[in-house]
Amino acid sequence: MNAQSEGKDEGTRRTTLNRTSTRLTWTVTEVAELLGISRSTAYEAAHRGELPYRIIGRRMLIPRAALLRLLDETQPTEQP
């Protein structure tokens, strides 16, 4: 793969993530990409209860608000 096609993939990825930032739910694949983890790790975290999700039809969706709350809770508190 040449550098030009790699740059195109990166631009497409950023565009996809920008579009998903206003949606109420994200797919497991999108969340994995946002968190910088693999898709299988994201699915495992969901099944272990570490990642909040809802099943709608046959899709596993991650509520945006729940994920942001989870990430906010895990932020280390500042030491005085």
PDB file of N, CA and C in Angstrom:
ATOM      1  N   MET A   1       0.847  -1.172   0.000  1.00  0.00           N
ATOM      2  CA  MET A   1       0.000   0.000   0.000  1.00  0.00           C
ATOM      3  C   MET A   1       0.890   1.232   0.000  1.00  0.00           C
ATOM      4  N   ASN A   2       0.603   2.203  -0.826  1.00  0.00           N
ATOM      5  CA  ASN A   2       1.445   3.385  -0.885  1.00  0.00           C
ATOM      6  C   ASN A   2       0.971   4.450   0.105  1.00  0.00           C
ATOM      7  N   ALA A   3       1.800   5.465   0.309  1.00  0.00           N
ATOM      8  CA  ALA A   3       1.509   6.501   1.297  1.00  0.00           C
ATOM      9  C   ALA A   3       0.247   7.278   0.941  1.00  0.00           C
ATOM     10  N   GLN A   4      -0.010   7.446  -0.349  1.00  0.00           N
ATOM     11  CA  GLN A   4      -1.181   8.205  -0.760  1.00  0.00           C
ATOM     12  C   GLN A   4      -2.473   7.488  -0.345  1.00  0.00           C
ATOM     13  N   SER A   5      -2.549   6.189  -0.547  1.00  0.00           N
ATOM     14  CA  SER A   5      -3.763   5.461  -0.176  1.00  0.00           C
ATOM     15  C   SER A   5      -3.916   5.368   1.335  1.00  0.00           C
ATOM     16  N   GLU A   6      -2.797   5.307   2.074  1.00  0.00           N
ATOM     17  CA  GLU A   6      -2.886   5.289   3.532  1.00  0.00           C
ATOM     18  C   GLU A   6      -3.460   6.596   4.037  1.00  0.00           C
ATOM     19  N   GLY A   7      -3.064   7.717   3.477  1.00  0.00           N
ATOM     20  CA  GLY A   7      -3.587   9.017   3.870  1.00  0.00           C
ATOM     21  C   GLY A   7      -5.078   9.125   3.593  1.00  0.00           C
ATOM     22  N   LYS A   8      -5.506   8.539   2.495  1.00  0.00           N
ATOM     23  CA  LYS A   8      -6.925   8.566   2.159  1.00  0.00           C
ATOM     24  C   LYS A   8      -7.724   7.789   3.196  1.00  0.00           C
ATOM     25  N   ASP A   9      -7.239   6.632   3.630  1.00  0.00           N
ATOM     26  CA  ASP A   9      -7.922   5.850   4.654  1.00  0.00           C
ATOM     27  C   ASP A   9      -8.033   6.645   5.950  1.00  0.00           C
ATOM     28  N   GLU A  10      -6.968   7.334   6.326  1.00  0.00           N
ATOM     29  CA  GLU A  10      -6.965   8.127   7.552  1.00  0.00           C
ATOM     30  C   GLU A  10      -7.988   9.254   7.467  1.00  0.00           C
ATOM     31  N   GLY A  11      -8.066   9.917   6.327  1.00  0.00           N
ATOM     32  CA  GLY A  11      -9.042  10.989   6.143  1.00  0.00           C
ATOM     33  C   GLY A  11     -10.467  10.473   6.210  1.00  0.00           C
ATOM     34  N   THR A  12     -10.722   9.324   5.619  1.00  0.00           N
ATOM     35  CA  THR A  12     -12.042   8.711   5.667  1.00  0.00           C
ATOM     36  C   THR A  12     -12.406   8.348   7.095  1.00  0.00           C
ATOM     37  N   ARG A  13     -11.455   7.822   7.840  1.00  0.00           N
ATOM     38  CA  ARG A  13     -11.693   7.445   9.228  1.00  0.00           C
ATOM     39  C   ARG A  13     -12.065   8.672  10.049  1.00  0.00           C
ATOM     40  N   ARG A  14     -11.321   9.770   9.886  1.00  0.00           N
ATOM     41  CA  ARG A  14     -11.619  10.996  10.629  1.00  0.00           C
ATOM     42  C   ARG A  14     -12.996  11.524  10.274  1.00  0.00           C
ATOM     43  N   THR A  15     -13.348  11.477   9.007  1.00  0.00           N
ATOM     44  CA  THR A  15     -14.665  11.936   8.571  1.00  0.00           C
ATOM     45  C   THR A  15     -15.754  11.100   9.214  1.00  0.00           C
ATOM     46  N   THR A  16     -15.567   9.791   9.253  1.00  0.00           N
ATOM     47  CA  THR A  16     -16.549   8.904   9.874  1.00  0.00           C
ATOM     48  C   THR A  16     -16.702   9.227  11.348  1.00  0.00           C
ATOM     49  N   LEU A  17     -15.607   9.414  12.067  1.00  0.00           N
ATOM     50  CA  LEU A  17     -15.688   9.712  13.489  1.00  0.00           C
ATOM     51  C   LEU A  17     -16.313  11.077  13.737  1.00  0.00           C
ATOM     52  N   ASN A  18     -16.049  12.048  12.882  1.00  0.00           N
ATOM     53  CA  ASN A  18     -16.684  13.353  13.031  1.00  0.00           C
ATOM     54  C   ASN A  18     -18.189  13.249  12.863  1.00  0.00           C
ATOM     55  N   ARG A  19     -18.628  12.455  11.904  1.00  0.00           N
ATOM     56  CA  ARG A  19     -20.066  12.271  11.679  1.00  0.00           C
ATOM     57  C   ARG A  19     -20.720  11.566  12.851  1.00  0.00           C
ATOM     58  N   THR A  20     -20.021  10.632  13.494  1.00  0.00           N
ATOM     59  CA  THR A  20     -20.620   9.844  14.560  1.00  0.00           C
ATOM     60  C   THR A  20     -20.682  10.591  15.878  1.00  0.00           C
ATOM     61  N   SER A  21     -19.958  11.702  16.008  1.00  0.00           N
ATOM     62  CA  SER A  21     -19.889  12.388  17.294  1.00  0.00           C
ATOM     63  C   SER A  21     -21.220  12.961  17.744  1.00  0.00           C
ATOM     64  N   THR A  22     -22.159  13.200  16.845  1.00  0.00           N
ATOM     65  CA  THR A  22     -23.444  13.763  17.236  1.00  0.00           C
ATOM     66  C   THR A  22     -24.548  12.715  17.349  1.00  0.00           C
ATOM     67  N   ARG A  23     -24.271  11.480  16.993  1.00  0.00           N
ATOM     68  CA  ARG A  23     -25.285  10.425  17.096  1.00  0.00           C
ATOM     69  C   ARG A  23     -25.493  10.024  18.546  1.00  0.00           C
ATOM     70  N   LEU A  24     -26.648   9.479  18.861  1.00  0.00           N
ATOM     71  CA  LEU A  24     -26.955   9.048  20.223  1.00  0.00           C
ATOM     72  C   LEU A  24     -26.301   7.723  20.574  1.00  0.00           C
ATOM     73  N   THR A  25     -26.030   6.901  19.559  1.00  0.00           N
ATOM     74  CA  THR A  25     -25.385   5.610  19.795  1.00  0.00           C
ATOM     75  C   THR A  25     -24.253   5.413  18.804  1.00  0.00           C
ATOM     76  N   TRP A  26     -23.321   4.565  19.218  1.00  0.00           N
ATOM     77  CA  TRP A  26     -22.211   4.195  18.355  1.00  0.00           C
ATOM     78  C   TRP A  26     -22.175   2.674  18.256  1.00  0.00           C
ATOM     79  N   THR A  27     -21.632   2.165  17.161  1.00  0.00           N
ATOM     80  CA  THR A  27     -21.433   0.724  17.042  1.00  0.00           C
ATOM     81  C   THR A  27     -20.204   0.331  17.858  1.00  0.00           C
ATOM     82  N   VAL A  28     -20.063  -0.931  18.126  1.00  0.00           N
ATOM     83  CA  VAL A  28     -18.899  -1.414  18.864  1.00  0.00           C
ATOM     84  C   VAL A  28     -17.623  -1.105  18.077  1.00  0.00           C
ATOM     85  N   THR A  29     -17.668  -1.244  16.771  1.00  0.00           N
ATOM     86  CA  THR A  29     -16.505  -0.949  15.938  1.00  0.00           C
ATOM     87  C   THR A  29     -16.111   0.519  16.062  1.00  0.00           C
ATOM     88  N   GLU A  30     -17.082   1.424  16.030  1.00  0.00           N
ATOM     89  CA  GLU A  30     -16.796   2.855  16.166  1.00  0.00           C
ATOM     90  C   GLU A  30     -16.202   3.176  17.533  1.00  0.00           C
ATOM     91  N   VAL A  31     -16.763   2.582  18.576  1.00  0.00           N
ATOM     92  CA  VAL A  31     -16.262   2.812  19.933  1.00  0.00           C
ATOM     93  C   VAL A  31     -14.846   2.275  20.070  1.00  0.00           C
ATOM     94  N   ALA A  32     -14.587   1.111  19.507  1.00  0.00           N
ATOM     95  CA  ALA A  32     -13.239   0.545  19.571  1.00  0.00           C
ATOM     96  C   ALA A  32     -12.245   1.505  18.921  1.00  0.00           C
ATOM     97  N   GLU A  33     -12.619   2.059  17.783  1.00  0.00           N
ATOM     98  CA  GLU A  33     -11.741   2.993  17.088  1.00  0.00           C
ATOM     99  C   GLU A  33     -11.544   4.266  17.909  1.00  0.00           C
ATOM    100  N   LEU A  34     -12.609   4.778  18.504  1.00  0.00           N
ATOM    101  CA  LEU A  34     -12.513   5.978  19.334  1.00  0.00           C
ATOM    102  C   LEU A  34     -11.616   5.759  20.554  1.00  0.00           C
ATOM    103  N   LEU A  35     -11.709   4.573  21.142  1.00  0.00           N
ATOM    104  CA  LEU A  35     -10.932   4.256  22.342  1.00  0.00           C
ATOM    105  C   LEU A  35      -9.519   3.776  22.025  1.00  0.00           C
ATOM    106  N   GLY A  36      -9.270   3.450  20.770  1.00  0.00           N
ATOM    107  CA  GLY A  36      -7.952   2.965  20.390  1.00  0.00           C
ATOM    108  C   GLY A  36      -7.703   1.528  20.814  1.00  0.00           C
ATOM    109  N   ILE A  37      -8.777   0.737  20.821  1.00  0.00           N
ATOM    110  CA  ILE A  37      -8.661  -0.678  21.155  1.00  0.00           C
ATOM    111  C   ILE A  37      -9.192  -1.495  19.985  1.00  0.00           C
ATOM    112  N   SER A  38      -8.943  -2.799  20.011  1.00  0.00           N
ATOM    113  CA  SER A  38      -9.430  -3.640  18.919  1.00  0.00           C
ATOM    114  C   SER A  38     -10.927  -3.884  19.073  1.00  0.00           C
ATOM    115  N   ARG A  39     -11.542  -4.265  17.980  1.00  0.00           N
ATOM    116  CA  ARG A  39     -12.970  -4.559  17.984  1.00  0.00           C
ATOM    117  C   ARG A  39     -13.279  -5.721  18.928  1.00  0.00           C
ATOM    118  N   SER A  40     -12.435  -6.738  18.913  1.00  0.00           N
ATOM    119  CA  SER A  40     -12.684  -7.897  19.784  1.00  0.00           C
ATOM    120  C   SER A  40     -12.538  -7.520  21.256  1.00  0.00           C
ATOM    121  N   THR A  41     -11.603  -6.638  21.576  1.00  0.00           N
ATOM    122  CA  THR A  41     -11.450  -6.176  22.955  1.00  0.00           C
ATOM    123  C   THR A  41     -12.683  -5.399  23.387  1.00  0.00           C
ATOM    124  N   ALA A  42     -13.240  -4.592  22.494  1.00  0.00           N
ATOM    125  CA  ALA A  42     -14.451  -3.833  22.812  1.00  0.00           C
ATOM    126  C   ALA A  42     -15.631  -4.774  23.067  1.00  0.00           C
ATOM    127  N   TYR A  43     -15.785  -5.809  22.236  1.00  0.00           N
ATOM    128  CA  TYR A  43     -16.858  -6.781  22.451  1.00  0.00           C
ATOM    129  C   TYR A  43     -16.660  -7.512  23.780  1.00  0.00           C
ATOM    130  N   GLU A  44     -15.428  -7.899  24.087  1.00  0.00           N
ATOM    131  CA  GLU A  44     -15.150  -8.577  25.355  1.00  0.00           C
ATOM    132  C   GLU A  44     -15.483  -7.669  26.539  1.00  0.00           C
ATOM    133  N   ALA A  45     -15.117  -6.398  26.454  1.00  0.00           N
ATOM    134  CA  ALA A  45     -15.410  -5.441  27.523  1.00  0.00           C
ATOM    135  C   ALA A  45     -16.917  -5.287  27.710  1.00  0.00           C
ATOM    136  N   ALA A  46     -17.656  -5.278  26.621  1.00  0.00           N
ATOM    137  CA  ALA A  46     -19.111  -5.179  26.710  1.00  0.00           C
ATOM    138  C   ALA A  46     -19.692  -6.412  27.398  1.00  0.00           C
ATOM    139  N   HIS A  47     -19.222  -7.579  27.020  1.00  0.00           N
ATOM    140  CA  HIS A  47     -19.734  -8.816  27.630  1.00  0.00           C
ATOM    141  C   HIS A  47     -19.352  -8.945  29.097  1.00  0.00           C
ATOM    142  N   ARG A  48     -18.219  -8.357  29.489  1.00  0.00           N
ATOM    143  CA  ARG A  48     -17.804  -8.363  30.900  1.00  0.00           C
ATOM    144  C   ARG A  48     -18.521  -7.295  31.717  1.00  0.00           C
ATOM    145  N   GLY A  49     -19.255  -6.411  31.055  1.00  0.00           N
ATOM    146  CA  GLY A  49     -19.968  -5.348  31.745  1.00  0.00           C
ATOM    147  C   GLY A  49     -19.139  -4.086  31.933  1.00  0.00           C
ATOM    148  N   GLU A  50     -17.969  -4.016  31.329  1.00  0.00           N
ATOM    149  CA  GLU A  50     -17.108  -2.842  31.450  1.00  0.00           C
ATOM    150  C   GLU A  50     -17.494  -1.741  30.468  1.00  0.00           C
ATOM    151  N   LEU A  51     -18.233  -2.099  29.444  1.00  0.00           N
ATOM    152  CA  LEU A  51     -18.642  -1.161  28.410  1.00  0.00           C
ATOM    153  C   LEU A  51     -20.165  -1.229  28.306  1.00  0.00           C
ATOM    154  N   PRO A  52     -20.859  -0.119  28.557  1.00  0.00           N
ATOM    155  CA  PRO A  52     -22.326  -0.158  28.526  1.00  0.00           C
ATOM    156  C   PRO A  52     -22.838  -0.346  27.095  1.00  0.00           C
ATOM    157  N   TYR A  53     -23.861  -1.168  26.939  1.00  0.00           N
ATOM    158  CA  TYR A  53     -24.418  -1.376  25.603  1.00  0.00           C
ATOM    159  C   TYR A  53     -25.894  -1.705  25.684  1.00  0.00           C
ATOM    160  N   ARG A  54     -26.565  -1.571  24.567  1.00  0.00           N
ATOM    161  CA  ARG A  54     -27.957  -1.942  24.408  1.00  0.00           C
ATOM    162  C   ARG A  54     -28.074  -2.756  23.132  1.00  0.00           C
ATOM    163  N   ILE A  55     -28.932  -3.756  23.181  1.00  0.00           N
ATOM    164  CA  ILE A  55     -29.220  -4.541  21.990  1.00  0.00           C
ATOM    165  C   ILE A  55     -30.503  -3.982  21.380  1.00  0.00           C
ATOM    166  N   ILE A  56     -30.423  -3.585  20.142  1.00  0.00           N
ATOM    167  CA  ILE A  56     -31.592  -3.110  19.411  1.00  0.00           C
ATOM    168  C   ILE A  56     -31.663  -3.952  18.143  1.00  0.00           C
ATOM    169  N   GLY A  57     -32.686  -4.770  18.082  1.00  0.00           N
ATOM    170  CA  GLY A  57     -32.776  -5.736  16.982  1.00  0.00           C
ATOM    171  C   GLY A  57     -31.639  -6.729  17.128  1.00  0.00           C
ATOM    172  N   ARG A  58     -30.794  -6.800  16.127  1.00  0.00           N
ATOM    173  CA  ARG A  58     -29.634  -7.695  16.175  1.00  0.00           C
ATOM    174  C   ARG A  58     -28.342  -6.928  16.365  1.00  0.00           C
ATOM    175  N   ARG A  59     -28.451  -5.626  16.660  1.00  0.00           N
ATOM    176  CA  ARG A  59     -27.262  -4.783  16.766  1.00  0.00           C
ATOM    177  C   ARG A  59     -26.926  -4.477  18.219  1.00  0.00           C
ATOM    178  N   MET A  60     -25.655  -4.500  18.516  1.00  0.00           N
ATOM    179  CA  MET A  60     -25.160  -4.094  19.830  1.00  0.00           C
ATOM    180  C   MET A  60     -24.700  -2.643  19.682  1.00  0.00           C
ATOM    181  N   LEU A  61     -25.369  -1.734  20.383  1.00  0.00           N
ATOM    182  CA  LEU A  61     -25.061  -0.319  20.276  1.00  0.00           C
ATOM    183  C   LEU A  61     -24.619   0.232  21.628  1.00  0.00           C
ATOM    184  N   ILE A  62     -23.686   1.146  21.579  1.00  0.00           N
ATOM    185  CA  ILE A  62     -23.146   1.773  22.779  1.00  0.00           C
ATOM    186  C   ILE A  62     -23.762   3.167  22.876  1.00  0.00           C
ATOM    187  N   PRO A  63     -24.549   3.442  23.933  1.00  0.00           N
ATOM    188  CA  PRO A  63     -25.100   4.785  24.091  1.00  0.00           C
ATOM    189  C   PRO A  63     -23.980   5.804  24.310  1.00  0.00           C
ATOM    190  N   ARG A  64     -24.007   6.859  23.540  1.00  0.00           N
ATOM    191  CA  ARG A  64     -22.975   7.896  23.605  1.00  0.00           C
ATOM    192  C   ARG A  64     -22.869   8.479  25.014  1.00  0.00           C
ATOM    193  N   ALA A  65     -24.008   8.843  25.604  1.00  0.00           N
ATOM    194  CA  ALA A  65     -24.004   9.467  26.932  1.00  0.00           C
ATOM    195  C   ALA A  65     -23.417   8.520  27.981  1.00  0.00           C
ATOM    196  N   ALA A  66     -23.758   7.241  27.910  1.00  0.00           N
ATOM    197  CA  ALA A  66     -23.252   6.273  28.888  1.00  0.00           C
ATOM    198  C   ALA A  66     -21.743   6.094  28.752  1.00  0.00           C
ATOM    199  N   LEU A  67     -21.247   6.058  27.532  1.00  0.00           N
ATOM    200  CA  LEU A  67     -19.808   5.913  27.323  1.00  0.00           C
ATOM    201  C   LEU A  67     -19.065   7.146  27.827  1.00  0.00           C
ATOM    202  N   LEU A  68     -19.590   8.329  27.527  1.00  0.00           N
ATOM    203  CA  LEU A  68     -18.934   9.556  27.982  1.00  0.00           C
ATOM    204  C   LEU A  68     -18.938   9.645  29.509  1.00  0.00           C
ATOM    205  N   ARG A  69     -20.042   9.228  30.147  1.00  0.00           N
ATOM    206  CA  ARG A  69     -20.089   9.191  31.623  1.00  0.00           C
ATOM    207  C   ARG A  69     -19.050   8.225  32.168  1.00  0.00           C
ATOM    208  N   LEU A  70     -18.968   7.051  31.553  1.00  0.00           N
ATOM    209  CA  LEU A  70     -18.003   6.042  31.987  1.00  0.00           C
ATOM    210  C   LEU A  70     -16.583   6.583  31.893  1.00  0.00           C
ATOM    211  N   LEU A  71     -16.265   7.224  30.796  1.00  0.00           N
ATOM    212  CA  LEU A  71     -14.921   7.766  30.613  1.00  0.00           C
ATOM    213  C   LEU A  71     -14.651   8.907  31.587  1.00  0.00           C
ATOM    214  N   ASP A  72     -15.660   9.703  31.879  1.00  0.00           N
ATOM    215  CA  ASP A  72     -15.497  10.812  32.815  1.00  0.00           C
ATOM    216  C   ASP A  72     -15.240  10.287  34.223  1.00  0.00           C
ATOM    217  N   GLU A  73     -15.901   9.184  34.603  1.00  0.00           N
ATOM    218  CA  GLU A  73     -15.717   8.582  35.925  1.00  0.00           C
ATOM    219  C   GLU A  73     -14.320   8.011  36.096  1.00  0.00           C
ATOM    220  N   THR A  74     -13.715   7.568  35.012  1.00  0.00           N
ATOM    221  CA  THR A  74     -12.411   6.925  35.110  1.00  0.00           C
ATOM    222  C   THR A  74     -11.253   7.910  35.044  1.00  0.00           C
ATOM    223  N   GLN A  75     -11.564   9.213  34.883  1.00  0.00           N
ATOM    224  CA  GLN A  75     -10.501  10.222  34.855  1.00  0.00           C
ATOM    225  C   GLN A  75      -9.878  10.316  36.242  1.00  0.00           C
ATOM    226  N   PRO A  76      -8.561  10.312  36.343  1.00  0.00           N
ATOM    227  CA  PRO A  76      -7.923  10.456  37.657  1.00  0.00           C
ATOM    228  C   PRO A  76      -8.200  11.849  38.219  1.00  0.00           C
ATOM    229  N   THR A  77      -8.433  11.899  39.508  1.00  0.00           N
ATOM    230  CA  THR A  77      -8.654  13.200  40.142  1.00  0.00           C
ATOM    231  C   THR A  77      -7.323  13.887  40.375  1.00  0.00           C
ATOM    232  N   GLU A  78      -7.350  15.210  40.324  1.00  0.00           N
ATOM    233  CA  GLU A  78      -6.118  15.967  40.501  1.00  0.00           C
ATOM    234  C   GLU A  78      -5.713  15.960  41.961  1.00  0.00           C
ATOM    235  N   GLN A  79      -4.449  15.787  42.200  1.00  0.00           N
ATOM    236  CA  GLN A  79      -3.891  15.830  43.543  1.00  0.00           C
ATOM    237  C   GLN A  79      -3.531  17.270  43.877  1.00  0.00           C
ATOM    238  N   PRO A  80      -3.858  17.781  45.086  1.00  0.00           N
ATOM    239  CA  PRO A  80      -3.496  19.161  45.420  1.00  0.00           C
ATOM    240  C   PRO A  80      -2.015  19.358  45.573  1.00  0.00           C
TER     241      PRO A  80
END
